[in-house]
Amino acid sequence: MKKLVIAILATAVLAGCKTSPTGRTQIALYSDQQMSEMGTASFAEMKKNQPINKNPQTNAYVNCIAEQVVAVLPKQYASQKWEVVVFEDDSANAFALPGGYIGVHTGLLKVATNQDQVATVLGHEVGHVIAEHSNERVSQSSMLQTGMQIGGAALEMGNVGYRNEIMQGLGLGAQYGVVLPFSRSHESEADEIGLDLMAQAGFDPKESVTLWQNMSKAGGGATPEFLSTHPAPASRIKDLQAQMSQALGEQKTARAQGKNPQCKL
């Protein structure tokens, strides 16, 4: 087991380290080009397999909001071309992928009832991209897989009794002790980044709280937070309210610069 720990630590030390937009240290093993290629392939597959909304008014509305958010991204992201697609899906969801892709489910537009609430979600999803969360998740998965393989080999060579049970325990520990909390940290970080982005674009940050109140009502019985990849709505609302003063200041500055989105459905 000592050898297993040393091997995993050595892998982590050799991995590429970066700093997220909020100052958090992160491990990102893949290049921007590799992540863009993954994003392009994933988005193409989604467009192939999922029905796409063709309503001109709906698409113009979503694109209007997305354009305002993209315009305030860091230069390397704002200067690239973003493809925005509205998918026919009843789930209140949206996503963004490396390479410049945004997907919005029609179900989201029933819960996010105005431009500011939709901007909250799009800011959050684009926040995942600029914080390189996909790179972290893929990198983490690769490292965990390597660690499990090393651990299995070490137990096999040592002829350790109950090794199957030990490996199952290691897998469960990796899932609940590493993967899920890490994903929740991503979600919280994307909330913070997204709130800044939508405010800098001139949207009303107060509507971010209303959005999650709507999400909470629409969600019904929720998975306990400690077993979820997403923070509970109450936790998100609390964190957003703690950042509200700064976000309102950013919105005020944006409005003074003439940024006053008028996206209507």
Protein backbone atom coordinates (compact mmCIF):
# COMPACT_ATOMS: atom_id res chain seq x y z
CA MET A 1 0.00 0.00 0.00
CA LYS A 2 2.94 2.31 0.70
CA LYS A 3 4.17 1.76 -2.84
CA LEU A 4 0.68 2.56 -4.14
CA VAL A 5 0.59 5.88 -2.28
CA ILE A 6 4.09 6.82 -3.48
CA ALA A 7 3.15 5.98 -7.07
CA ILE A 8 0.01 8.11 -6.96
CA LEU A 9 1.86 11.03 -5.36
CA ALA A 10 4.60 10.80 -7.98
CA THR A 11 1.97 10.91 -10.73
CA ALA A 12 0.42 14.01 -9.17
CA VAL A 13 3.78 15.78 -8.88
CA LEU A 14 4.58 15.09 -12.53
CA ALA A 15 1.14 16.29 -13.66
CA GLY A 16 0.64 19.72 -15.14
CA CYS A 17 -0.43 22.29 -12.55
CA LYS A 18 -2.38 25.45 -13.33
CA THR A 19 -4.29 28.12 -11.43
CA SER A 20 -8.01 28.61 -11.97
CA PRO A 21 -9.61 32.08 -12.40
CA THR A 22 -10.45 32.07 -8.68
CA GLY A 23 -6.89 31.19 -7.65
CA ARG A 24 -7.43 27.49 -7.01
CA THR A 25 -4.56 25.13 -7.91
CA GLN A 26 -5.66 22.57 -10.49
CA ILE A 27 -4.22 19.64 -12.42
CA ALA A 28 -4.70 19.77 -16.19
CA LEU A 29 -2.87 17.12 -18.19
CA TYR A 30 -4.31 17.84 -21.63
CA SER A 31 -3.57 20.64 -24.11
CA ASP A 32 -6.15 23.22 -25.22
CA GLN A 33 -6.14 21.63 -28.67
CA GLN A 34 -6.87 18.18 -27.26
CA MET A 35 -9.75 19.55 -25.17
CA SER A 36 -11.15 21.47 -28.15
CA GLU A 37 -11.06 18.29 -30.24
CA MET A 38 -12.94 16.44 -27.49
CA GLY A 39 -15.50 19.24 -27.30
CA THR A 40 -15.98 19.31 -31.07
CA ALA A 41 -16.49 15.55 -31.24
CA SER A 42 -18.90 15.54 -28.29
CA PHE A 43 -21.00 18.40 -29.67
CA ALA A 44 -21.20 16.81 -33.12
CA GLU A 45 -22.42 13.59 -31.52
CA MET A 46 -25.08 15.46 -29.55
CA LYS A 47 -26.36 17.25 -32.65
CA LYS A 48 -26.54 13.92 -34.42
CA ASN A 49 -28.47 12.10 -31.72
CA GLN A 50 -30.63 14.77 -30.05
CA PRO A 51 -33.54 16.70 -31.62
CA ILE A 52 -32.76 20.36 -32.28
CA ASN A 53 -35.21 23.21 -31.78
CA LYS A 54 -35.87 25.14 -35.00
CA ASN A 55 -38.07 27.94 -33.61
CA PRO A 56 -36.52 31.22 -34.88
CA GLN A 57 -37.74 33.27 -31.91
CA THR A 58 -36.41 30.82 -29.33
CA ASN A 59 -33.05 30.55 -31.05
CA ALA A 60 -32.73 34.32 -31.46
CA TYR A 61 -33.49 34.78 -27.74
CA VAL A 62 -30.90 32.25 -26.58
CA ASN A 63 -28.28 33.51 -29.03
CA CYS A 64 -28.87 37.10 -27.91
CA ILE A 65 -28.12 36.17 -24.30
CA ALA A 66 -25.14 33.98 -25.22
CA GLU A 67 -23.59 36.76 -27.33
CA GLN A 68 -23.71 39.19 -24.41
CA VAL A 69 -22.02 36.70 -22.06
CA VAL A 70 -19.38 35.60 -24.58
CA ALA A 71 -18.47 39.25 -25.26
CA VAL A 72 -17.12 39.69 -21.70
CA LEU A 73 -15.05 36.51 -21.63
CA PRO A 74 -11.24 36.67 -21.53
CA LYS A 75 -9.90 37.58 -24.99
CA GLN A 76 -8.87 34.06 -26.03
CA TYR A 77 -12.46 32.89 -25.52
CA ALA A 78 -14.32 36.04 -26.60
CA SER A 79 -12.45 36.12 -29.93
CA GLN A 80 -13.34 32.57 -30.94
CA LYS A 81 -16.55 31.63 -32.74
CA TRP A 82 -19.16 30.04 -30.48
CA GLU A 83 -21.85 27.73 -31.79
CA VAL A 84 -25.10 27.86 -29.83
CA VAL A 85 -27.73 25.13 -30.26
CA VAL A 86 -31.11 24.79 -28.57
CA PHE A 87 -31.99 21.13 -28.02
CA GLU A 88 -35.52 19.81 -27.61
CA ASP A 89 -35.22 18.38 -24.12
CA ASP A 90 -37.56 18.81 -21.15
CA SER A 91 -34.74 18.89 -18.59
CA ALA A 92 -33.85 22.30 -17.16
CA ASN A 93 -30.27 22.15 -18.30
CA ALA A 94 -27.56 23.74 -20.43
CA PHE A 95 -23.88 23.08 -21.05
CA ALA A 96 -20.77 24.52 -22.65
CA LEU A 97 -17.85 22.59 -24.13
CA PRO A 98 -14.23 23.42 -24.92
CA GLY A 99 -13.82 24.59 -28.48
CA GLY A 100 -16.66 27.12 -28.35
CA TYR A 101 -19.95 25.24 -28.00
CA ILE A 102 -23.07 26.03 -25.97
CA GLY A 103 -26.14 23.81 -25.71
CA VAL A 104 -29.42 24.88 -24.11
CA HIS A 105 -32.35 22.56 -23.38
CA THR A 106 -35.82 23.91 -24.03
CA GLY A 107 -36.78 22.76 -20.53
CA LEU A 108 -34.46 25.38 -19.07
CA LEU A 109 -36.55 28.17 -20.59
CA LYS A 110 -39.52 27.04 -18.51
CA VAL A 111 -37.58 27.41 -15.25
CA ALA A 112 -35.31 30.33 -16.14
CA THR A 113 -38.13 32.77 -16.83
CA ASN A 114 -36.22 35.84 -18.09
CA GLN A 115 -33.00 36.86 -19.82
CA ASP A 116 -31.15 37.42 -16.54
CA GLN A 117 -31.89 33.93 -15.25
CA VAL A 118 -30.85 32.34 -18.54
CA ALA A 119 -27.68 34.47 -18.45
CA THR A 120 -26.97 33.09 -14.97
CA VAL A 121 -26.98 29.56 -16.35
CA LEU A 122 -24.97 30.39 -19.48
CA GLY A 123 -22.42 32.33 -17.43
CA HIS A 124 -22.10 29.32 -15.13
CA GLU A 125 -21.67 26.86 -18.01
CA VAL A 126 -19.14 29.02 -19.86
CA GLY A 127 -17.41 29.45 -16.50
CA HIS A 128 -16.71 25.71 -16.54
CA VAL A 129 -14.93 26.16 -19.87
CA ILE A 130 -12.72 29.13 -18.99
CA ALA A 131 -11.80 27.47 -15.68
CA GLU A 132 -10.79 24.31 -17.62
CA HIS A 133 -12.97 22.06 -15.49
CA SER A 134 -13.35 19.52 -18.30
CA ASN A 135 -9.57 19.22 -18.47
CA GLU A 136 -9.43 18.67 -14.72
CA ARG A 137 -12.12 16.01 -14.81
CA VAL A 138 -10.53 14.09 -17.68
CA SER A 139 -7.11 14.41 -16.02
CA GLN A 140 -8.49 13.25 -12.69
CA SER A 141 -10.16 10.26 -14.31
CA SER A 142 -6.88 9.28 -15.98
CA MET A 143 -4.97 9.58 -12.70
CA LEU A 144 -7.55 7.58 -10.74
CA GLN A 145 -7.55 4.85 -13.36
CA THR A 146 -3.76 4.65 -13.24
CA GLY A 147 -3.81 4.56 -9.43
CA MET A 148 -6.38 1.76 -9.38
CA GLN A 149 -4.34 -0.27 -11.86
CA ILE A 150 -1.19 0.18 -9.77
CA GLY A 151 -3.09 -0.74 -6.62
CA GLY A 152 -4.53 -3.88 -8.18
CA ALA A 153 -1.12 -4.99 -9.41
CA ALA A 154 0.47 -4.37 -6.00
CA LEU A 155 -2.20 -6.40 -4.21
CA GLU A 156 -1.91 -9.19 -6.76
CA MET A 157 1.89 -9.40 -6.46
CA GLY A 158 1.66 -9.34 -2.68
CA ASN A 159 -0.93 -12.13 -2.67
CA VAL A 160 -3.04 -10.04 -0.27
CA GLY A 161 -6.13 -11.78 1.09
CA TYR A 162 -9.51 -10.17 0.36
CA ARG A 163 -7.88 -8.10 -2.39
CA ASN A 164 -11.15 -7.92 -4.35
CA GLU A 165 -12.90 -6.42 -1.34
CA ILE A 166 -10.02 -3.99 -0.82
CA MET A 167 -10.15 -2.88 -4.46
CA GLN A 168 -13.91 -2.36 -4.21
CA GLY A 169 -13.32 -0.26 -1.12
CA LEU A 170 -10.68 1.79 -2.91
CA GLY A 171 -13.09 2.38 -5.76
CA LEU A 172 -15.87 3.51 -3.43
CA GLY A 173 -13.45 5.80 -1.60
CA ALA A 174 -12.27 7.32 -4.86
CA GLN A 175 -15.85 7.97 -5.94
CA TYR A 176 -17.22 9.55 -2.77
CA GLY A 177 -13.98 10.93 -1.35
CA VAL A 178 -12.50 12.46 -4.49
CA VAL A 179 -14.74 12.57 -7.55
CA LEU A 180 -17.99 13.93 -6.14
CA PRO A 181 -16.55 16.60 -3.80
CA PHE A 182 -14.25 17.71 -6.61
CA SER A 183 -17.24 18.12 -8.91
CA ARG A 184 -19.06 20.16 -6.27
CA SER A 185 -16.04 22.47 -6.04
CA HIS A 186 -16.25 22.93 -9.81
CA GLU A 187 -19.92 23.81 -9.59
CA SER A 188 -19.32 26.36 -6.83
CA GLU A 189 -16.43 27.90 -8.75
CA ALA A 190 -18.53 28.08 -11.93
CA ASP A 191 -21.29 29.79 -9.93
CA GLU A 192 -18.81 32.44 -8.80
CA ILE A 193 -17.36 32.97 -12.27
CA GLY A 194 -20.77 32.91 -13.91
CA LEU A 195 -22.20 35.54 -11.57
CA ASP A 196 -19.31 37.86 -12.46
CA LEU A 197 -19.75 37.24 -16.19
CA MET A 198 -23.48 37.89 -16.31
CA ALA A 199 -23.09 41.03 -14.20
CA GLN A 200 -20.23 42.30 -16.39
CA ALA A 201 -22.52 41.77 -19.39
CA GLY A 202 -25.13 44.03 -17.78
CA PHE A 203 -27.60 41.38 -16.61
CA ASP A 204 -29.24 41.61 -13.18
CA PRO A 205 -27.27 39.42 -10.72
CA LYS A 206 -30.15 39.39 -8.23
CA GLU A 207 -32.02 37.15 -10.64
CA SER A 208 -29.42 34.42 -10.01
CA VAL A 209 -31.00 33.86 -6.60
CA THR A 210 -34.49 33.73 -8.11
CA LEU A 211 -33.25 31.18 -10.64
CA TRP A 212 -32.09 28.76 -7.96
CA GLN A 213 -35.29 29.27 -6.02
CA ASN A 214 -37.11 28.24 -9.20
CA MET A 215 -34.76 25.28 -9.65
CA SER A 216 -35.41 24.18 -6.08
CA LYS A 217 -39.18 24.26 -6.61
CA ALA A 218 -38.90 22.39 -9.89
CA GLY A 219 -36.52 19.77 -8.51
CA GLY A 220 -38.80 18.13 -5.96
CA GLY A 221 -37.01 15.51 -3.88
CA ALA A 222 -33.28 16.06 -4.28
CA THR A 223 -30.30 13.79 -3.72
CA PRO A 224 -28.48 14.56 -0.43
CA GLU A 225 -25.74 17.09 -1.12
CA PHE A 226 -22.89 14.87 0.09
CA LEU A 227 -23.82 12.27 -2.57
CA SER A 228 -24.39 14.78 -5.33
CA THR A 229 -22.13 16.31 -7.93
CA HIS A 230 -23.95 19.62 -7.46
CA PRO A 231 -24.28 21.78 -4.35
CA ALA A 232 -27.79 21.96 -2.90
CA PRO A 233 -29.79 24.97 -4.14
CA ALA A 234 -29.81 26.46 -0.62
CA SER A 235 -26.00 26.34 -0.54
CA ARG A 236 -25.75 27.95 -3.97
CA ILE A 237 -28.13 30.73 -2.98
CA LYS A 238 -26.16 31.44 0.18
CA ASP A 239 -22.89 31.67 -1.76
CA LEU A 240 -24.43 33.86 -4.46
CA GLN A 241 -25.84 36.24 -1.88
CA ALA A 242 -22.39 36.52 -0.30
CA GLN A 243 -21.00 37.70 -3.68
CA MET A 244 -23.99 39.89 -4.55
CA SER A 245 -22.52 43.24 -3.49
CA GLN A 246 -19.53 42.83 -5.81
CA ALA A 247 -21.73 41.58 -8.64
CA LEU A 248 -24.07 44.55 -8.35
CA GLY A 249 -21.06 46.84 -8.57
CA GLU A 250 -19.95 45.08 -11.75
CA GLN A 251 -23.43 45.42 -13.23
CA LYS A 252 -23.48 49.14 -12.41
CA THR A 253 -20.15 49.59 -14.21
CA ALA A 254 -21.42 47.58 -17.19
CA ARG A 255 -24.57 49.67 -17.45
CA ALA A 256 -22.46 52.84 -17.33
CA GLN A 257 -20.53 51.44 -20.30
CA GLY A 258 -23.77 51.01 -22.23
CA LYS A 259 -24.23 47.29 -21.65
CA ASN A 260 -27.97 46.89 -21.17
CA PRO A 261 -29.17 43.58 -22.70
CA GLN A 262 -32.65 43.53 -24.16
CA CYS A 263 -33.15 39.88 -25.10
CA LYS A 264 -36.82 38.94 -25.27
CA LEU A 265 -38.63 35.73 -26.02
